[in-house]
Amino acid sequence: MPPIAALADDAGMDTALAPPASPMVRNVVAYCSAGKRRADISLEQISDVLAVDDGGFVWVGLYAPDEQLLLKMQEEFSLHPLAVEDALKAHQRPKIELYGDSLFMVLHTAQVVAGHIEFGETHIFIGPRYLLTVRHGASLPFSPARERCEKSPDLMKLGPSYGLYAVLDAVVDNYFPIVGEFQEELNELEKDIFAEDYRRETVRRLYELKRDLTQLRLAVSPMQDMLNQLMQFHPTLIRKEVRVYLRDVHDHVVRVNEAVDTMREMLTAAMSVNLSLVTVAQGEIVKRLAGWAALLAAPTLLTSWYGMNFHHMPELDGRYSYWIMIGVTAAVCVGLYFALRRAKWL
């Protein structure tokens, strides 16, 4: 099989050799040392391209690959079997691992689907002359990031490390609209929290929102340490010129993490306020019931007193005893009513 240099020149001529046919293969592109797109290549041509030491690199994007495809990538890029196993199984924690002259990274991605946040994973393999991204689950494609990089060949000539920056930046930037949606939903829920009537749906949504934010924090927080490692270590893989761009991504991660922490605290306070308001409302109801019970206790006491079957009760023989009893009962009830109203029990 002829090398890629024989099929496209270093001027960046876009020659499509074998566009990816499988839905699992999203892009396989070779770039020249000048940072220009050289050609789309087939999976079988990757090792041939890397065998030519011309300063170029290969960028491959996969989505939910099967074991056979990942084994093919392992063969073409000489990937470590442990990293390939992690990329196949997914469900990994965010981490960064060094295997020989290559780095393996695991990122958690997030996407809002039907009003709920869904999480996915992106596994990144980066070597001196290649960048391989493997997406699983809810994850937006990196095609826009790659196209943006191709518009800046002066930066793309920095190699795979600049492509890595573009991928990390795309993942982090995707967190911002999610945080914005959560902020809007929290503002809407605040109206229901202070509503006079108790709504169980409000408490349920507060709990779901806090759960989603906790999961988002678990995805965002580890990226701070990962970016610190990339900015300080691995000089053979991360060019010095790229570190300033990684600092910008780190700043965005810090902003997202702080926003998530702030909203989590606000949600905790909202749930406490909602519980307090429900307790206060229940207390007001109990007070009103107790007030009416006290109001009804006076005539009940008086009528029960004179309802006893005693023959020698002086009041029973009086001509106006019945009307006096009615007047006393009414006076007591009216006095209790105004006293309880003044005490705000009615």
Protein backbone atom coordinates (compact mmCIF):
# COMPACT_ATOMS: atom_id res chain seq x y z
CA MET A 1 0.00 0.00 0.00
CA PRO A 2 1.56 3.35 -1.01
CA PRO A 3 2.22 5.85 1.74
CA ILE A 4 0.03 8.88 2.11
CA ALA A 5 2.83 11.14 0.91
CA ALA A 6 2.39 9.64 -2.53
CA LEU A 7 -1.30 10.50 -2.55
CA ALA A 8 -1.35 14.06 -1.27
CA ASP A 9 1.30 16.72 -1.13
CA ASP A 10 2.37 18.78 1.85
CA ALA A 11 0.42 21.77 0.56
CA GLY A 12 -2.69 20.44 2.23
CA MET A 13 -4.45 18.97 -0.80
CA ASP A 14 -7.69 17.34 0.42
CA THR A 15 -7.70 13.94 -1.24
CA ALA A 16 -10.42 11.56 -0.01
CA LEU A 17 -8.98 8.07 -0.02
CA ALA A 18 -11.46 5.99 1.93
CA PRO A 19 -14.13 7.89 3.81
CA PRO A 20 -15.34 5.98 6.88
CA ALA A 21 -18.17 3.59 6.00
CA SER A 22 -18.97 2.32 9.50
CA PRO A 23 -21.18 4.47 11.78
CA MET A 24 -18.66 3.74 14.53
CA VAL A 25 -15.93 5.54 12.57
CA ARG A 26 -16.66 9.27 12.42
CA ASN A 27 -13.42 10.57 10.94
CA VAL A 28 -9.92 9.37 10.04
CA VAL A 29 -7.84 12.33 8.84
CA ALA A 30 -4.15 12.82 8.22
CA TYR A 31 -2.50 16.24 8.67
CA CYS A 32 0.83 17.39 7.33
CA SER A 33 3.60 19.07 9.29
CA ALA A 34 2.27 22.49 8.21
CA GLY A 35 -0.98 21.80 10.05
CA LYS A 36 -3.07 21.46 6.91
CA ARG A 37 -5.52 18.70 6.22
CA ARG A 38 -3.80 16.23 3.96
CA ALA A 39 -6.41 13.56 3.27
CA ASP A 40 -9.09 11.27 4.63
CA ILE A 41 -7.54 7.85 5.00
CA SER A 42 -8.72 4.34 5.77
CA LEU A 43 -8.07 2.54 9.04
CA GLU A 44 -5.58 0.25 7.33
CA GLN A 45 -3.49 3.21 6.15
CA ILE A 46 -2.93 4.65 9.65
CA SER A 47 0.21 2.64 10.36
CA ASP A 48 1.57 3.47 6.90
CA VAL A 49 1.06 7.18 7.50
CA LEU A 50 2.74 7.01 10.90
CA ALA A 51 5.63 5.05 9.41
CA VAL A 52 6.55 8.09 7.32
CA ASP A 53 8.39 10.48 9.62
CA ASP A 54 7.26 13.72 7.96
CA GLY A 55 6.08 15.58 11.08
CA GLY A 56 2.40 15.06 10.38
CA PHE A 57 -0.17 13.31 12.57
CA VAL A 58 -3.45 11.39 12.37
CA TRP A 59 -6.73 12.32 14.07
CA VAL A 60 -9.29 9.53 14.45
CA GLY A 61 -12.78 9.86 15.92
CA LEU A 62 -14.87 6.83 16.96
CA TYR A 63 -18.30 6.49 18.50
CA ALA A 64 -19.29 3.43 20.57
CA PRO A 65 -16.78 1.11 18.85
CA ASP A 66 -16.97 -2.65 19.23
CA GLU A 67 -14.14 -4.87 20.36
CA GLN A 68 -12.98 -5.66 16.83
CA LEU A 69 -12.61 -1.99 15.91
CA LEU A 70 -10.71 -1.15 19.11
CA LEU A 71 -8.37 -4.08 18.56
CA LYS A 72 -7.74 -2.66 15.09
CA MET A 73 -6.87 0.69 16.69
CA GLN A 74 -4.59 -1.07 19.14
CA GLU A 75 -2.78 -2.64 16.22
CA GLU A 76 -2.48 0.57 14.19
CA PHE A 77 -1.41 2.85 17.06
CA SER A 78 0.33 0.27 19.30
CA LEU A 79 -2.00 1.14 22.19
CA HIS A 80 -1.62 -0.40 25.63
CA PRO A 81 -4.07 -3.30 26.16
CA LEU A 82 -5.22 -1.98 29.56
CA ALA A 83 -6.22 1.35 28.02
CA VAL A 84 -8.01 -0.42 25.18
CA GLU A 85 -9.89 -2.56 27.70
CA ASP A 86 -11.04 0.57 29.56
CA ALA A 87 -12.14 2.22 26.32
CA LEU A 88 -14.17 -0.84 25.38
CA LYS A 89 -15.97 -1.30 28.70
CA ALA A 90 -16.53 2.40 29.37
CA HIS A 91 -18.12 3.29 32.75
CA GLN A 92 -14.73 4.51 33.95
CA ARG A 93 -13.95 7.27 36.41
CA PRO A 94 -12.37 10.47 35.04
CA LYS A 95 -8.63 9.91 34.99
CA ILE A 96 -5.38 10.37 33.11
CA GLU A 97 -2.85 7.56 32.68
CA LEU A 98 0.60 7.45 31.09
CA TYR A 99 1.41 4.35 29.04
CA GLY A 100 4.91 4.57 27.61
CA ASP A 101 5.01 7.49 25.16
CA SER A 102 1.23 7.95 25.07
CA LEU A 103 -1.48 9.32 27.35
CA PHE A 104 -4.90 7.84 28.01
CA MET A 105 -7.62 10.13 29.35
CA VAL A 106 -11.21 9.53 30.44
CA LEU A 107 -13.66 12.44 30.46
CA HIS A 108 -17.33 12.48 31.43
CA THR A 109 -19.56 14.37 29.04
CA ALA A 110 -23.08 15.67 29.68
CA GLN A 111 -26.08 16.45 27.55
CA VAL A 112 -29.64 17.57 28.36
CA VAL A 113 -32.18 15.23 26.80
CA ALA A 114 -35.93 15.78 27.32
CA GLY A 115 -35.33 18.03 30.31
CA HIS A 116 -32.99 15.60 32.06
CA ILE A 117 -29.23 15.42 32.04
CA GLU A 118 -27.62 12.33 30.55
CA PHE A 119 -23.96 11.47 30.89
CA GLY A 120 -21.51 9.87 28.54
CA GLU A 121 -17.78 9.27 28.30
CA THR A 122 -15.01 10.32 26.00
CA HIS A 123 -11.77 8.33 25.99
CA ILE A 124 -8.74 10.04 24.49
CA PHE A 125 -5.50 8.44 23.30
CA ILE A 126 -2.75 10.90 22.44
CA GLY A 127 0.71 10.06 21.18
CA PRO A 128 3.51 12.02 19.53
CA ARG A 129 1.80 11.73 16.13
CA TYR A 130 -1.79 10.71 16.70
CA LEU A 131 -4.98 11.68 18.48
CA LEU A 132 -7.75 9.12 18.97
CA THR A 133 -11.11 10.00 20.56
CA VAL A 134 -13.64 7.35 21.55
CA ARG A 135 -17.13 8.55 22.53
CA HIS A 136 -19.74 6.59 24.47
CA GLY A 137 -23.30 7.55 25.41
CA ALA A 138 -24.52 11.14 25.55
CA SER A 139 -21.77 13.11 23.87
CA LEU A 140 -21.80 15.72 21.14
CA PRO A 141 -19.52 15.08 18.14
CA PHE A 142 -16.15 16.77 17.92
CA SER A 143 -16.49 17.59 14.22
CA PRO A 144 -17.06 21.33 14.91
CA ALA A 145 -13.92 21.44 17.06
CA ARG A 146 -11.90 19.66 14.39
CA GLU A 147 -13.20 21.98 11.66
CA ARG A 148 -12.33 25.00 13.80
CA CYS A 149 -8.80 23.66 14.21
CA GLU A 150 -8.43 23.15 10.47
CA LYS A 151 -9.13 26.84 9.94
CA SER A 152 -5.97 27.64 11.94
CA PRO A 153 -3.13 25.63 10.35
CA ASP A 154 -0.56 27.76 12.20
CA LEU A 155 -1.90 26.24 15.42
CA MET A 156 -2.61 22.80 14.00
CA LYS A 157 1.05 22.42 13.13
CA LEU A 158 1.64 22.18 16.89
CA GLY A 159 0.46 18.60 16.48
CA PRO A 160 -1.95 16.35 18.41
CA SER A 161 -1.66 18.45 21.57
CA TYR A 162 -3.57 21.29 19.93
CA GLY A 163 -6.23 18.84 18.80
CA LEU A 164 -6.41 17.63 22.41
CA TYR A 165 -6.98 21.22 23.54
CA ALA A 166 -9.82 21.58 21.03
CA VAL A 167 -11.50 18.39 22.32
CA LEU A 168 -11.14 19.41 25.98
CA ASP A 169 -12.43 22.89 25.20
CA ALA A 170 -15.47 21.44 23.40
CA VAL A 171 -16.28 19.16 26.33
CA VAL A 172 -16.02 21.97 28.89
CA ASP A 173 -17.90 24.51 26.77
CA ASN A 174 -20.77 22.04 26.52
CA TYR A 175 -21.15 22.24 30.32
CA PHE A 176 -22.06 25.95 30.23
CA PRO A 177 -25.47 25.69 28.51
CA ILE A 178 -26.34 22.82 30.86
CA VAL A 179 -25.48 24.95 33.88
CA GLY A 180 -27.50 27.79 32.34
CA GLU A 181 -30.56 25.56 31.93
CA PHE A 182 -30.25 24.39 35.51
CA GLN A 183 -30.04 28.00 36.68
CA GLU A 184 -33.22 28.89 34.80
CA GLU A 185 -35.02 25.88 36.20
CA LEU A 186 -33.90 26.76 39.71
CA ASN A 187 -35.27 30.28 39.26
CA GLU A 188 -38.61 28.82 38.18
CA LEU A 189 -38.67 26.44 41.12
CA GLU A 190 -38.07 29.32 43.54
CA LYS A 191 -41.53 30.64 42.65
CA ASP A 192 -43.08 27.28 43.55
CA ILE A 193 -41.04 27.04 46.75
CA PHE A 194 -42.62 30.21 48.14
CA ALA A 195 -46.11 29.38 46.90
CA GLU A 196 -48.80 29.18 49.57
CA ASP A 197 -49.88 25.67 48.64
CA TYR A 198 -47.65 22.65 49.13
CA ARG A 199 -46.68 20.82 45.95
CA ARG A 200 -45.02 17.45 46.15
CA GLU A 201 -43.85 17.85 42.56
CA THR A 202 -41.70 20.81 43.61
CA VAL A 203 -39.82 18.75 46.19
CA ARG A 204 -39.37 15.91 43.72
CA ARG A 205 -37.95 18.23 41.07
CA LEU A 206 -35.63 19.88 43.60
CA TYR A 207 -34.27 16.47 44.52
CA GLU A 208 -33.79 15.46 40.86
CA LEU A 209 -32.06 18.75 40.09
CA LYS A 210 -29.66 18.34 43.01
CA ARG A 211 -28.95 14.74 41.98
CA ASP A 212 -28.11 15.83 38.43
CA LEU A 213 -25.89 18.65 39.69
CA THR A 214 -24.04 16.25 41.99
CA GLN A 215 -23.35 13.95 39.04
CA LEU A 216 -22.25 16.93 36.97
CA ARG A 217 -19.84 17.98 39.68
CA LEU A 218 -18.36 14.47 39.71
CA ALA A 219 -17.75 14.89 35.98
CA VAL A 220 -16.31 18.42 36.13
CA SER A 221 -14.25 18.46 39.31
CA PRO A 222 -11.61 15.84 38.30
CA MET A 223 -10.84 17.79 35.14
CA GLN A 224 -9.06 20.45 37.20
CA ASP A 225 -6.40 17.97 38.31
CA MET A 226 -6.18 16.46 34.83
CA LEU A 227 -5.57 19.85 33.23
CA ASN A 228 -3.00 20.72 35.90
CA GLN A 229 -1.10 17.56 34.98
CA LEU A 230 -1.23 18.42 31.28
CA MET A 231 0.05 21.95 31.95
CA GLN A 232 2.94 20.81 34.17
CA PHE A 233 4.02 17.41 32.90
CA HIS A 234 4.37 15.36 29.70
CA PRO A 235 6.49 17.85 27.71
CA THR A 236 7.05 15.33 24.90
CA LEU A 237 3.30 15.10 24.26
CA ILE A 238 2.00 18.55 25.25
CA ARG A 239 3.76 21.35 23.41
CA LYS A 240 4.76 24.39 25.41
CA GLU A 241 2.78 26.64 23.07
CA VAL A 242 -0.43 24.68 23.86
CA ARG A 243 -0.18 25.07 27.62
CA VAL A 244 -1.55 28.64 27.51
CA TYR A 245 -4.68 27.31 25.78
CA LEU A 246 -5.01 24.58 28.39
CA ARG A 247 -4.91 27.26 31.09
CA ASP A 248 -7.93 28.84 29.44
CA VAL A 249 -9.78 25.51 29.54
CA HIS A 250 -8.78 25.13 33.19
CA ASP A 251 -10.25 28.55 33.93
CA HIS A 252 -13.53 27.49 32.30
CA VAL A 253 -13.57 24.29 34.35
CA VAL A 254 -13.11 26.30 37.55
CA ARG A 255 -16.00 28.57 36.57
CA VAL A 256 -18.30 25.63 35.83
CA ASN A 257 -17.30 23.88 39.05
CA GLU A 258 -17.95 27.01 41.13
CA ALA A 259 -21.32 27.54 39.42
CA VAL A 260 -22.31 23.93 40.12
CA ASP A 261 -21.23 24.19 43.77
CA THR A 262 -23.18 27.44 44.16
CA MET A 263 -26.34 25.93 42.70
CA ARG A 264 -25.98 22.82 44.86
CA GLU A 265 -25.82 25.02 47.95
CA MET A 266 -28.82 27.01 46.73
CA LEU A 267 -30.75 23.78 46.15
CA THR A 268 -29.90 22.57 49.65
CA ALA A 269 -31.13 25.89 51.04
CA ALA A 270 -34.23 25.73 48.82
CA MET A 271 -35.12 22.27 50.08
CA SER A 272 -34.64 23.45 53.69
CA VAL A 273 -36.74 26.56 53.09
CA ASN A 274 -39.47 24.49 51.44
CA LEU A 275 -39.50 22.10 54.40
CA SER A 276 -39.59 25.03 56.85
CA LEU A 277 -42.46 26.68 54.99
CA VAL A 278 -44.42 23.44 54.99
CA THR A 279 -43.79 23.07 58.74
CA VAL A 280 -44.87 26.66 59.39
CA ALA A 281 -48.01 26.17 57.28
CA GLN A 282 -48.86 23.02 59.20
CA GLY A 283 -48.29 24.89 62.47
CA GLU A 284 -50.70 27.62 61.35
CA ILE A 285 -53.33 25.00 60.56
CA VAL A 286 -52.83 23.36 63.95
CA LYS A 287 -53.16 26.76 65.66
CA ARG A 288 -56.43 27.47 63.88
CA LEU A 289 -57.81 24.05 64.74
CA ALA A 290 -56.76 24.52 68.38
CA GLY A 291 -58.41 27.97 68.42
CA TRP A 292 -61.72 26.66 67.13
CA ALA A 293 -61.49 23.73 69.53
CA ALA A 294 -61.03 26.16 72.45
CA LEU A 295 -63.94 28.25 71.20
CA LEU A 296 -66.20 25.22 71.08
CA ALA A 297 -64.97 23.97 74.46
CA ALA A 298 -66.73 26.80 76.40
CA PRO A 299 -70.34 26.02 75.37
CA THR A 300 -69.57 22.34 75.59
CA LEU A 301 -68.42 22.74 79.19
CA LEU A 302 -71.41 24.85 80.19
CA THR A 303 -74.04 22.70 78.53
CA SER A 304 -72.51 19.52 79.87
CA TRP A 305 -72.54 21.03 83.37
CA TYR A 306 -76.22 21.75 83.23
CA GLY A 307 -76.94 18.56 81.41
CA MET A 308 -76.25 16.48 84.49
CA ASN A 309 -79.27 14.77 86.05
CA PHE A 310 -79.19 16.35 89.51
CA HIS A 311 -82.52 17.22 91.11
CA HIS A 312 -81.26 19.89 93.51
CA MET A 313 -79.67 22.50 91.19
CA PRO A 314 -80.95 25.96 92.22
CA GLU A 315 -80.55 27.40 88.73
CA LEU A 316 -83.02 24.96 87.24
CA ASP A 317 -85.93 26.45 89.17
CA GLY A 318 -85.34 30.04 88.04
CA ARG A 319 -87.78 31.55 85.57
CA TYR A 320 -85.09 33.17 83.39
CA SER A 321 -82.31 30.61 83.99
CA TYR A 322 -82.50 29.27 80.44
CA TRP A 323 -82.06 32.69 78.84
CA ILE A 324 -79.37 33.67 81.30
CA MET A 325 -77.51 30.47 80.43
CA ILE A 326 -77.75 31.28 76.73
CA GLY A 327 -76.47 34.82 77.33
CA VAL A 328 -73.53 33.68 79.47
CA THR A 329 -72.56 31.06 76.88
CA ALA A 330 -72.74 33.59 74.03
CA ALA A 331 -70.72 36.14 76.01
CA VAL A 332 -68.03 33.61 76.81
CA CYS A 333 -67.85 32.49 73.15
CA VAL A 334 -67.65 36.08 71.87
CA GLY A 335 -64.96 36.95 74.42
CA LEU A 336 -62.90 33.89 73.49
CA TYR A 337 -63.33 34.64 69.79
CA PHE A 338 -61.90 38.14 70.04
CA ALA A 339 -59.14 36.98 72.40
CA LEU A 340 -58.08 34.26 69.95
CA ARG A 341 -58.26 36.66 67.01
CA ARG A 342 -56.00 39.07 68.85
CA ALA A 343 -53.55 36.22 69.48
CA LYS A 344 -53.81 35.32 65.73
CA TRP A 345 -55.07 31.85 66.47
CA LEU A 346 -58.15 32.40 64.32
